Amino acid sequence: MANIKSAKKRILVNKTKADRNKAIRSKVKTSIKKVEAAIEANDKAAAQAALLAATSEIDKAATKGVYHKNTASRKISRLTVAVNKLA
């Protein structure tokens, strides 16, 4: 356990930031699952709506530094390709 005041503060700040990042990552994963569920159900309209919401969540996560911009782009690209494959 830390004894120095600044070290104690860092522990608290790091915990706060880790919790925030975890919440954002969880939101992204949930939105991705919604898109994949719509794709499984073969519902193009729902998939496109879910894709729009997921893209927004992923972009927000990237701008906040939770995901690297290339990772965010890759996730969006893969989801978009999957939705566009629906007939």
N, C-alpha and C. Protein backbone atom coordinates (compact mmCIF):
# COMPACT_ATOMS: atom_id res chain seq x y z
N MET A 1 0.85 -1.19 0.00
CA MET A 1 0.00 0.00 0.00
C MET A 1 0.88 1.23 0.00
N ALA A 2 0.45 2.24 -0.73
CA ALA A 2 1.21 3.48 -0.84
C ALA A 2 1.17 4.26 0.46
N ASN A 3 2.29 4.91 0.77
CA ASN A 3 2.38 5.77 1.95
C ASN A 3 2.37 7.24 1.58
N ILE A 4 2.88 7.56 0.40
CA ILE A 4 2.99 8.95 -0.03
C ILE A 4 1.64 9.43 -0.55
N LYS A 5 1.31 10.68 -0.17
CA LYS A 5 0.01 11.23 -0.52
C LYS A 5 -0.26 11.23 -2.03
N SER A 6 0.74 11.62 -2.81
CA SER A 6 0.55 11.68 -4.27
C SER A 6 0.34 10.28 -4.85
N ALA A 7 1.00 9.29 -4.26
CA ALA A 7 0.83 7.90 -4.73
C ALA A 7 -0.58 7.40 -4.41
N LYS A 8 -1.10 7.80 -3.23
CA LYS A 8 -2.47 7.42 -2.87
C LYS A 8 -3.46 8.05 -3.85
N LYS A 9 -3.20 9.31 -4.20
CA LYS A 9 -4.07 9.99 -5.15
C LYS A 9 -4.03 9.31 -6.51
N ARG A 10 -2.84 8.92 -6.97
CA ARG A 10 -2.71 8.25 -8.27
C ARG A 10 -3.53 6.96 -8.29
N ILE A 11 -3.51 6.22 -7.16
CA ILE A 11 -4.28 4.98 -7.08
C ILE A 11 -5.77 5.27 -7.29
N LEU A 12 -6.26 6.32 -6.63
CA LEU A 12 -7.67 6.68 -6.75
C LEU A 12 -8.01 7.14 -8.18
N VAL A 13 -7.15 7.99 -8.74
CA VAL A 13 -7.39 8.51 -10.08
C VAL A 13 -7.36 7.38 -11.11
N ASN A 14 -6.38 6.48 -10.97
CA ASN A 14 -6.28 5.35 -11.91
C ASN A 14 -7.50 4.45 -11.84
N LYS A 15 -8.02 4.23 -10.63
CA LYS A 15 -9.22 3.40 -10.45
C LYS A 15 -10.41 4.06 -11.15
N THR A 16 -10.54 5.38 -10.95
CA THR A 16 -11.64 6.12 -11.57
C THR A 16 -11.58 6.01 -13.09
N LYS A 17 -10.38 6.23 -13.65
CA LYS A 17 -10.22 6.17 -15.10
C LYS A 17 -10.44 4.75 -15.63
N ALA A 18 -9.98 3.75 -14.89
CA ALA A 18 -10.17 2.36 -15.32
C ALA A 18 -11.65 2.01 -15.35
N ASP A 19 -12.39 2.47 -14.35
CA ASP A 19 -13.83 2.21 -14.30
C ASP A 19 -14.55 2.88 -15.47
N ARG A 20 -14.14 4.10 -15.78
CA ARG A 20 -14.73 4.85 -16.90
C ARG A 20 -14.46 4.12 -18.22
N ASN A 21 -13.21 3.70 -18.41
CA ASN A 21 -12.83 3.00 -19.63
C ASN A 21 -13.60 1.69 -19.76
N LYS A 22 -13.76 0.99 -18.62
CA LYS A 22 -14.48 -0.28 -18.64
C LYS A 22 -15.94 -0.08 -19.04
N ALA A 23 -16.55 1.00 -18.54
CA ALA A 23 -17.95 1.29 -18.86
C ALA A 23 -18.09 1.61 -20.35
N ILE A 24 -17.16 2.39 -20.88
CA ILE A 24 -17.21 2.75 -22.31
C ILE A 24 -17.01 1.51 -23.17
N ARG A 25 -16.02 0.66 -22.81
CA ARG A 25 -15.77 -0.56 -23.57
C ARG A 25 -16.99 -1.47 -23.55
N SER A 26 -17.66 -1.53 -22.40
CA SER A 26 -18.86 -2.35 -22.26
C SER A 26 -19.97 -1.85 -23.17
N LYS A 27 -20.15 -0.52 -23.24
CA LYS A 27 -21.16 0.07 -24.13
C LYS A 27 -20.89 -0.30 -25.58
N VAL A 28 -19.62 -0.23 -25.96
CA VAL A 28 -19.24 -0.55 -27.34
C VAL A 28 -19.56 -2.01 -27.64
N LYS A 29 -19.17 -2.90 -26.72
CA LYS A 29 -19.42 -4.34 -26.93
C LYS A 29 -20.90 -4.63 -27.05
N THR A 30 -21.71 -3.97 -26.22
CA THR A 30 -23.16 -4.17 -26.26
C THR A 30 -23.73 -3.72 -27.60
N SER A 31 -23.27 -2.56 -28.08
CA SER A 31 -23.78 -2.05 -29.36
C SER A 31 -23.36 -2.97 -30.52
N ILE A 32 -22.16 -3.54 -30.44
CA ILE A 32 -21.70 -4.48 -31.47
C ILE A 32 -22.56 -5.75 -31.45
N LYS A 33 -22.89 -6.23 -30.25
CA LYS A 33 -23.72 -7.42 -30.12
C LYS A 33 -25.11 -7.18 -30.72
N LYS A 34 -25.64 -5.95 -30.57
CA LYS A 34 -26.96 -5.63 -31.14
C LYS A 34 -26.92 -5.70 -32.66
N VAL A 35 -25.83 -5.21 -33.25
CA VAL A 35 -25.68 -5.27 -34.70
C VAL A 35 -25.61 -6.73 -35.14
N GLU A 36 -24.78 -7.52 -34.45
CA GLU A 36 -24.62 -8.93 -34.81
C GLU A 36 -25.92 -9.70 -34.64
N ALA A 37 -26.71 -9.35 -33.62
CA ALA A 37 -28.00 -10.02 -33.42
C ALA A 37 -28.95 -9.71 -34.57
N ALA A 38 -28.95 -8.46 -35.03
CA ALA A 38 -29.79 -8.08 -36.15
C ALA A 38 -29.36 -8.78 -37.43
N ILE A 39 -28.05 -8.96 -37.59
CA ILE A 39 -27.53 -9.67 -38.77
C ILE A 39 -27.96 -11.14 -38.71
N GLU A 40 -27.85 -11.75 -37.53
CA GLU A 40 -28.29 -13.15 -37.36
C GLU A 40 -29.77 -13.31 -37.70
N ALA A 41 -30.58 -12.32 -37.30
CA ALA A 41 -32.02 -12.37 -37.55
C ALA A 41 -32.34 -12.02 -39.01
N ASN A 42 -31.31 -11.63 -39.78
CA ASN A 42 -31.47 -11.28 -41.19
C ASN A 42 -32.40 -10.08 -41.39
N ASP A 43 -32.34 -9.14 -40.43
CA ASP A 43 -33.17 -7.93 -40.45
C ASP A 43 -32.31 -6.74 -40.86
N LYS A 44 -32.34 -6.41 -42.14
CA LYS A 44 -31.44 -5.37 -42.67
C LYS A 44 -31.72 -3.99 -42.07
N ALA A 45 -32.98 -3.63 -41.91
CA ALA A 45 -33.34 -2.31 -41.38
C ALA A 45 -32.84 -2.15 -39.94
N ALA A 46 -33.08 -3.18 -39.13
CA ALA A 46 -32.62 -3.14 -37.74
C ALA A 46 -31.10 -3.14 -37.67
N ALA A 47 -30.48 -3.89 -38.56
CA ALA A 47 -29.01 -3.96 -38.59
C ALA A 47 -28.41 -2.60 -38.93
N GLN A 48 -29.02 -1.91 -39.90
CA GLN A 48 -28.51 -0.59 -40.28
C GLN A 48 -28.70 0.43 -39.16
N ALA A 49 -29.83 0.36 -38.47
CA ALA A 49 -30.07 1.27 -37.35
C ALA A 49 -29.09 0.99 -36.21
N ALA A 50 -28.87 -0.30 -35.93
CA ALA A 50 -27.94 -0.68 -34.88
C ALA A 50 -26.50 -0.31 -35.27
N LEU A 51 -26.19 -0.42 -36.56
CA LEU A 51 -24.86 -0.07 -37.05
C LEU A 51 -24.59 1.42 -36.84
N LEU A 52 -25.58 2.24 -37.10
CA LEU A 52 -25.44 3.68 -36.91
C LEU A 52 -25.14 4.01 -35.45
N ALA A 53 -25.87 3.36 -34.54
CA ALA A 53 -25.65 3.58 -33.10
C ALA A 53 -24.28 3.06 -32.68
N ALA A 54 -23.90 1.89 -33.19
CA ALA A 54 -22.62 1.29 -32.83
C ALA A 54 -21.46 2.14 -33.33
N THR A 55 -21.59 2.66 -34.55
CA THR A 55 -20.54 3.51 -35.12
C THR A 55 -20.33 4.74 -34.25
N SER A 56 -21.42 5.31 -33.79
CA SER A 56 -21.35 6.49 -32.91
C SER A 56 -20.63 6.15 -31.61
N GLU A 57 -20.99 5.03 -31.00
CA GLU A 57 -20.36 4.61 -29.74
C GLU A 57 -18.87 4.35 -29.92
N ILE A 58 -18.51 3.68 -31.00
CA ILE A 58 -17.11 3.35 -31.26
C ILE A 58 -16.30 4.62 -31.50
N ASP A 59 -16.87 5.56 -32.26
CA ASP A 59 -16.18 6.83 -32.51
C ASP A 59 -15.96 7.61 -31.23
N LYS A 60 -16.97 7.62 -30.36
CA LYS A 60 -16.83 8.32 -29.08
C LYS A 60 -15.72 7.69 -28.25
N ALA A 61 -15.68 6.36 -28.24
CA ALA A 61 -14.64 5.66 -27.48
C ALA A 61 -13.25 5.99 -28.02
N ALA A 62 -13.14 6.12 -29.33
CA ALA A 62 -11.85 6.43 -29.95
C ALA A 62 -11.42 7.85 -29.61
N THR A 63 -12.36 8.79 -29.63
CA THR A 63 -11.99 10.18 -29.33
C THR A 63 -11.63 10.36 -27.86
N LYS A 64 -12.18 9.51 -26.99
CA LYS A 64 -11.85 9.59 -25.57
C LYS A 64 -10.59 8.80 -25.22
N GLY A 65 -10.02 8.12 -26.21
CA GLY A 65 -8.77 7.42 -25.98
C GLY A 65 -8.92 6.02 -25.42
N VAL A 66 -10.14 5.49 -25.41
CA VAL A 66 -10.34 4.14 -24.92
C VAL A 66 -9.86 3.13 -25.95
N TYR A 67 -10.11 3.45 -27.24
CA TYR A 67 -9.63 2.62 -28.33
C TYR A 67 -8.70 3.45 -29.21
N HIS A 68 -7.70 2.82 -29.80
CA HIS A 68 -6.85 3.47 -30.80
C HIS A 68 -7.70 3.72 -32.03
N LYS A 69 -7.40 4.79 -32.77
CA LYS A 69 -8.24 5.14 -33.92
C LYS A 69 -8.28 4.04 -34.98
N ASN A 70 -7.17 3.32 -35.16
CA ASN A 70 -7.16 2.23 -36.14
C ASN A 70 -8.03 1.07 -35.68
N THR A 71 -8.03 0.80 -34.38
CA THR A 71 -8.88 -0.26 -33.83
C THR A 71 -10.35 0.10 -34.05
N ALA A 72 -10.68 1.35 -33.78
CA ALA A 72 -12.06 1.80 -33.96
C ALA A 72 -12.47 1.68 -35.42
N SER A 73 -11.59 2.10 -36.32
CA SER A 73 -11.88 2.02 -37.75
C SER A 73 -12.07 0.58 -38.19
N ARG A 74 -11.24 -0.31 -37.66
CA ARG A 74 -11.34 -1.73 -38.02
C ARG A 74 -12.68 -2.31 -37.56
N LYS A 75 -13.08 -1.98 -36.33
CA LYS A 75 -14.36 -2.48 -35.81
C LYS A 75 -15.52 -1.99 -36.67
N ILE A 76 -15.50 -0.69 -37.00
CA ILE A 76 -16.57 -0.11 -37.80
C ILE A 76 -16.61 -0.75 -39.18
N SER A 77 -15.43 -0.92 -39.77
CA SER A 77 -15.34 -1.51 -41.11
C SER A 77 -15.91 -2.91 -41.15
N ARG A 78 -15.54 -3.73 -40.18
CA ARG A 78 -16.00 -5.12 -40.16
C ARG A 78 -17.51 -5.19 -39.99
N LEU A 79 -18.06 -4.33 -39.12
CA LEU A 79 -19.51 -4.32 -38.92
C LEU A 79 -20.21 -3.86 -40.19
N THR A 80 -19.69 -2.83 -40.83
CA THR A 80 -20.31 -2.29 -42.04
C THR A 80 -20.33 -3.34 -43.16
N VAL A 81 -19.20 -4.04 -43.33
CA VAL A 81 -19.13 -5.09 -44.34
C VAL A 81 -20.16 -6.17 -44.05
N ALA A 82 -20.30 -6.55 -42.79
CA ALA A 82 -21.25 -7.60 -42.42
C ALA A 82 -22.69 -7.17 -42.70
N VAL A 83 -23.00 -5.90 -42.40
CA VAL A 83 -24.36 -5.41 -42.65
C VAL A 83 -24.62 -5.31 -44.16
N ASN A 84 -23.62 -4.87 -44.92
CA ASN A 84 -23.80 -4.72 -46.36
C ASN A 84 -23.94 -6.07 -47.07
N LYS A 85 -23.48 -7.14 -46.46
CA LYS A 85 -23.62 -8.47 -47.06
C LYS A 85 -25.04 -9.00 -47.00
N LEU A 86 -25.86 -8.41 -46.12
CA LEU A 86 -27.26 -8.85 -46.02
C LEU A 86 -27.97 -8.56 -47.35
N ALA A 87 -28.76 -9.52 -47.79
CA ALA A 87 -29.46 -9.36 -49.07
C ALA A 87 -30.80 -8.69 -48.89
